[in-house]
Amino acid sequence: MKHTILILLLLPIMGFAYQPRPIEFWLNDQDEAFGTLEDGTTFSQTNVATDLGIRLQRFQWAEGYWYVSDKGIIEAESDLQAFSIYLTM
């Protein structure tokens, strides 16, 4: 019951959190993305692993970073840790 209430209290905060929109972005030959948000911060989505059918990229912007994969979002402290988590998914 306590967890349900906590989740319900956090939903409005998460739903209305401001996230700046991209104003420009470009892709390179390796399908990595780079760009600028409307608040002037930059972001990137770069490859960690793309061989052997593995699709794992690091998404980074001023607020932090996380990993995006064909198996879902991964939170990790390093590329190696993200790759290790990916292999166990």
N, C-alpha and C. Protein backbone atom coordinates (compact mmCIF):
# COMPACT_ATOMS: atom_id res chain seq x y z
N MET A 1 0.83 -1.19 0.00
CA MET A 1 0.00 0.00 0.00
C MET A 1 0.87 1.25 0.00
N LYS A 2 1.93 1.28 0.81
CA LYS A 2 2.80 2.46 0.87
C LYS A 2 3.45 2.74 -0.48
N HIS A 3 3.86 1.68 -1.20
CA HIS A 3 4.50 1.86 -2.51
C HIS A 3 3.52 2.44 -3.51
N THR A 4 2.28 1.99 -3.46
CA THR A 4 1.26 2.48 -4.39
C THR A 4 1.03 3.97 -4.19
N ILE A 5 0.94 4.40 -2.96
CA ILE A 5 0.73 5.82 -2.66
C ILE A 5 1.91 6.65 -3.12
N LEU A 6 3.12 6.17 -2.88
CA LEU A 6 4.31 6.89 -3.30
C LEU A 6 4.34 7.05 -4.81
N ILE A 7 4.03 5.99 -5.53
CA ILE A 7 4.01 6.06 -7.00
C ILE A 7 2.96 7.06 -7.47
N LEU A 8 1.79 7.02 -6.88
CA LEU A 8 0.73 7.95 -7.28
C LEU A 8 1.11 9.40 -6.98
N LEU A 9 1.85 9.63 -5.91
CA LEU A 9 2.28 10.99 -5.59
C LEU A 9 3.37 11.48 -6.54
N LEU A 10 4.20 10.58 -7.05
CA LEU A 10 5.28 10.97 -7.94
C LEU A 10 4.82 11.15 -9.39
N LEU A 11 3.75 10.53 -9.78
CA LEU A 11 3.30 10.63 -11.17
C LEU A 11 3.09 12.06 -11.65
N PRO A 12 2.42 12.94 -10.90
CA PRO A 12 2.28 14.31 -11.40
C PRO A 12 3.61 15.04 -11.57
N ILE A 13 4.58 14.76 -10.70
CA ILE A 13 5.88 15.40 -10.82
C ILE A 13 6.58 14.93 -12.08
N MET A 14 6.56 13.64 -12.34
CA MET A 14 7.22 13.10 -13.51
C MET A 14 6.52 13.54 -14.79
N GLY A 15 5.22 13.62 -14.75
CA GLY A 15 4.46 13.97 -15.95
C GLY A 15 4.63 15.40 -16.39
N PHE A 16 4.95 16.29 -15.48
CA PHE A 16 5.05 17.70 -15.81
C PHE A 16 6.47 18.26 -15.72
N ALA A 17 7.45 17.39 -15.58
CA ALA A 17 8.84 17.85 -15.51
C ALA A 17 9.24 18.44 -16.86
N TYR A 18 9.89 19.59 -16.83
CA TYR A 18 10.29 20.27 -18.05
C TYR A 18 11.47 19.55 -18.70
N GLN A 19 11.33 19.28 -19.96
CA GLN A 19 12.41 18.68 -20.74
C GLN A 19 12.57 19.52 -22.00
N PRO A 20 13.72 20.18 -22.16
CA PRO A 20 13.91 21.03 -23.34
C PRO A 20 13.88 20.23 -24.63
N ARG A 21 13.34 20.83 -25.68
CA ARG A 21 13.24 20.18 -26.99
C ARG A 21 14.53 20.35 -27.78
N PRO A 22 14.82 19.39 -28.65
CA PRO A 22 15.97 19.57 -29.55
C PRO A 22 15.66 20.66 -30.58
N ILE A 23 16.64 21.52 -30.83
CA ILE A 23 16.45 22.53 -31.88
C ILE A 23 17.25 22.16 -33.13
N GLU A 24 18.24 21.31 -32.96
CA GLU A 24 18.99 20.80 -34.11
C GLU A 24 19.67 19.50 -33.72
N PHE A 25 19.84 18.62 -34.70
CA PHE A 25 20.61 17.40 -34.47
C PHE A 25 21.08 16.86 -35.82
N TRP A 26 22.10 16.05 -35.77
CA TRP A 26 22.64 15.44 -36.97
C TRP A 26 23.14 14.05 -36.63
N LEU A 27 23.23 13.21 -37.65
CA LEU A 27 23.72 11.84 -37.52
C LEU A 27 25.03 11.70 -38.27
N ASN A 28 25.94 10.89 -37.75
CA ASN A 28 27.17 10.60 -38.48
C ASN A 28 27.04 9.27 -39.21
N ASP A 29 28.10 8.81 -39.83
CA ASP A 29 28.07 7.57 -40.62
C ASP A 29 27.82 6.32 -39.78
N GLN A 30 28.05 6.39 -38.48
CA GLN A 30 27.86 5.23 -37.59
C GLN A 30 26.50 5.28 -36.88
N ASP A 31 25.58 6.10 -37.38
CA ASP A 31 24.24 6.26 -36.78
C ASP A 31 24.29 6.80 -35.36
N GLU A 32 25.30 7.61 -35.05
CA GLU A 32 25.37 8.29 -33.77
C GLU A 32 24.74 9.67 -33.95
N ALA A 33 24.03 10.14 -32.93
CA ALA A 33 23.33 11.43 -33.01
C ALA A 33 23.98 12.45 -32.09
N PHE A 34 23.99 13.71 -32.55
CA PHE A 34 24.53 14.83 -31.79
C PHE A 34 23.61 16.01 -32.01
N GLY A 35 23.43 16.84 -30.99
CA GLY A 35 22.55 17.97 -31.18
C GLY A 35 22.59 18.97 -30.05
N THR A 36 21.69 19.96 -30.18
CA THR A 36 21.57 21.04 -29.20
C THR A 36 20.10 21.16 -28.81
N LEU A 37 19.87 21.35 -27.51
CA LEU A 37 18.52 21.54 -27.00
C LEU A 37 18.19 23.02 -26.95
N GLU A 38 16.91 23.35 -26.80
CA GLU A 38 16.48 24.75 -26.81
C GLU A 38 17.08 25.57 -25.67
N ASP A 39 17.55 24.93 -24.60
CA ASP A 39 18.18 25.66 -23.51
C ASP A 39 19.68 25.83 -23.73
N GLY A 40 20.19 25.37 -24.88
CA GLY A 40 21.60 25.54 -25.22
C GLY A 40 22.49 24.37 -24.85
N THR A 41 21.98 23.41 -24.10
CA THR A 41 22.81 22.25 -23.76
C THR A 41 22.92 21.31 -24.96
N THR A 42 23.98 20.54 -24.97
CA THR A 42 24.18 19.59 -26.05
C THR A 42 23.82 18.19 -25.59
N PHE A 43 23.54 17.33 -26.54
CA PHE A 43 23.27 15.93 -26.23
C PHE A 43 23.94 15.08 -27.29
N SER A 44 24.13 13.80 -26.94
CA SER A 44 24.68 12.86 -27.90
C SER A 44 24.15 11.46 -27.61
N GLN A 45 24.11 10.65 -28.65
CA GLN A 45 23.78 9.24 -28.51
C GLN A 45 24.82 8.49 -29.33
N THR A 46 25.79 7.90 -28.62
CA THR A 46 26.94 7.29 -29.27
C THR A 46 26.97 5.78 -29.06
N ASN A 47 27.58 5.09 -29.99
CA ASN A 47 27.63 3.63 -29.94
C ASN A 47 28.58 3.12 -28.87
N VAL A 48 28.13 2.13 -28.14
CA VAL A 48 28.97 1.38 -27.22
C VAL A 48 29.29 0.04 -27.87
N ALA A 49 28.26 -0.58 -28.43
CA ALA A 49 28.43 -1.86 -29.12
C ALA A 49 27.40 -1.95 -30.23
N THR A 50 27.85 -2.35 -31.42
CA THR A 50 26.92 -2.55 -32.53
C THR A 50 27.25 -3.81 -33.31
N ASP A 51 28.18 -4.62 -32.82
CA ASP A 51 28.58 -5.85 -33.51
C ASP A 51 27.77 -7.04 -33.00
N LEU A 52 27.76 -8.09 -33.80
CA LEU A 52 27.14 -9.36 -33.42
C LEU A 52 25.66 -9.21 -33.05
N GLY A 53 24.98 -8.29 -33.68
CA GLY A 53 23.57 -8.10 -33.40
C GLY A 53 23.27 -7.34 -32.14
N ILE A 54 24.28 -6.81 -31.48
CA ILE A 54 24.09 -6.04 -30.25
C ILE A 54 23.92 -4.57 -30.61
N ARG A 55 22.89 -3.95 -30.08
CA ARG A 55 22.67 -2.51 -30.31
C ARG A 55 22.62 -1.85 -28.95
N LEU A 56 23.71 -1.21 -28.56
CA LEU A 56 23.82 -0.55 -27.26
C LEU A 56 24.45 0.82 -27.47
N GLN A 57 23.72 1.88 -27.07
CA GLN A 57 24.20 3.24 -27.22
C GLN A 57 24.12 3.99 -25.89
N ARG A 58 25.01 4.96 -25.76
CA ARG A 58 25.03 5.83 -24.56
C ARG A 58 24.37 7.14 -24.94
N PHE A 59 23.30 7.52 -24.22
CA PHE A 59 22.63 8.79 -24.42
C PHE A 59 23.07 9.72 -23.31
N GLN A 60 23.61 10.89 -23.69
CA GLN A 60 24.15 11.81 -22.69
C GLN A 60 23.67 13.22 -22.97
N TRP A 61 23.32 13.92 -21.89
CA TRP A 61 23.05 15.35 -21.96
C TRP A 61 23.39 15.96 -20.62
N ALA A 62 23.17 17.23 -20.45
CA ALA A 62 23.63 17.93 -19.24
C ALA A 62 23.13 17.30 -17.95
N GLU A 63 21.97 16.70 -17.97
CA GLU A 63 21.41 16.12 -16.76
C GLU A 63 22.00 14.76 -16.40
N GLY A 64 22.76 14.17 -17.28
CA GLY A 64 23.35 12.87 -16.98
C GLY A 64 23.42 11.99 -18.21
N TYR A 65 23.48 10.70 -17.98
CA TYR A 65 23.54 9.76 -19.09
C TYR A 65 22.90 8.44 -18.70
N TRP A 66 22.50 7.69 -19.71
CA TRP A 66 21.98 6.35 -19.55
C TRP A 66 22.22 5.63 -20.86
N TYR A 67 21.89 4.37 -20.89
CA TYR A 67 22.16 3.55 -22.06
C TYR A 67 20.85 3.09 -22.69
N VAL A 68 20.83 3.10 -24.02
CA VAL A 68 19.66 2.70 -24.79
C VAL A 68 20.05 1.45 -25.57
N SER A 69 19.22 0.42 -25.49
CA SER A 69 19.53 -0.82 -26.21
C SER A 69 18.27 -1.36 -26.86
N ASP A 70 18.46 -2.38 -27.69
CA ASP A 70 17.32 -3.04 -28.29
C ASP A 70 16.55 -3.87 -27.26
N LYS A 71 17.07 -3.97 -26.04
CA LYS A 71 16.39 -4.69 -24.95
C LYS A 71 15.80 -3.73 -23.92
N GLY A 72 15.99 -2.44 -24.09
CA GLY A 72 15.44 -1.47 -23.16
C GLY A 72 16.49 -0.50 -22.64
N ILE A 73 16.11 0.32 -21.67
CA ILE A 73 16.97 1.32 -21.06
C ILE A 73 17.81 0.66 -19.96
N ILE A 74 19.08 1.03 -19.91
CA ILE A 74 19.99 0.48 -18.90
C ILE A 74 20.62 1.64 -18.14
N GLU A 75 20.59 1.58 -16.83
CA GLU A 75 21.29 2.56 -16.00
C GLU A 75 22.55 1.89 -15.48
N ALA A 76 23.70 2.50 -15.77
CA ALA A 76 24.98 1.92 -15.37
C ALA A 76 25.99 3.03 -15.14
N GLU A 77 27.06 2.69 -14.43
CA GLU A 77 28.12 3.65 -14.11
C GLU A 77 29.18 3.77 -15.20
N SER A 78 29.23 2.80 -16.12
CA SER A 78 30.25 2.83 -17.17
C SER A 78 29.76 2.03 -18.38
N ASP A 79 30.45 2.21 -19.50
CA ASP A 79 30.13 1.45 -20.70
C ASP A 79 30.28 -0.05 -20.46
N LEU A 80 31.33 -0.43 -19.76
CA LEU A 80 31.58 -1.84 -19.48
C LEU A 80 30.46 -2.44 -18.63
N GLN A 81 30.04 -1.70 -17.63
CA GLN A 81 28.95 -2.18 -16.77
C GLN A 81 27.65 -2.29 -17.58
N ALA A 82 27.38 -1.31 -18.43
CA ALA A 82 26.18 -1.36 -19.27
C ALA A 82 26.21 -2.57 -20.20
N PHE A 83 27.38 -2.84 -20.78
CA PHE A 83 27.52 -3.98 -21.67
C PHE A 83 27.29 -5.28 -20.90
N SER A 84 27.81 -5.36 -19.70
CA SER A 84 27.64 -6.55 -18.86
C SER A 84 26.16 -6.75 -18.51
N ILE A 85 25.48 -5.67 -18.15
CA ILE A 85 24.04 -5.76 -17.84
C ILE A 85 23.27 -6.19 -19.08
N TYR A 86 23.63 -5.62 -20.22
CA TYR A 86 22.97 -5.98 -21.48
C TYR A 86 23.05 -7.48 -21.73
N LEU A 87 24.22 -8.06 -21.52
CA LEU A 87 24.42 -9.49 -21.78
C LEU A 87 23.60 -10.38 -20.86
N THR A 88 23.20 -9.87 -19.69
CA THR A 88 22.41 -10.67 -18.76
C THR A 88 20.91 -10.46 -18.92
N MET A 89 20.51 -9.56 -19.80
CA MET A 89 19.09 -9.27 -20.00
C MET A 89 18.43 -10.33 -20.88
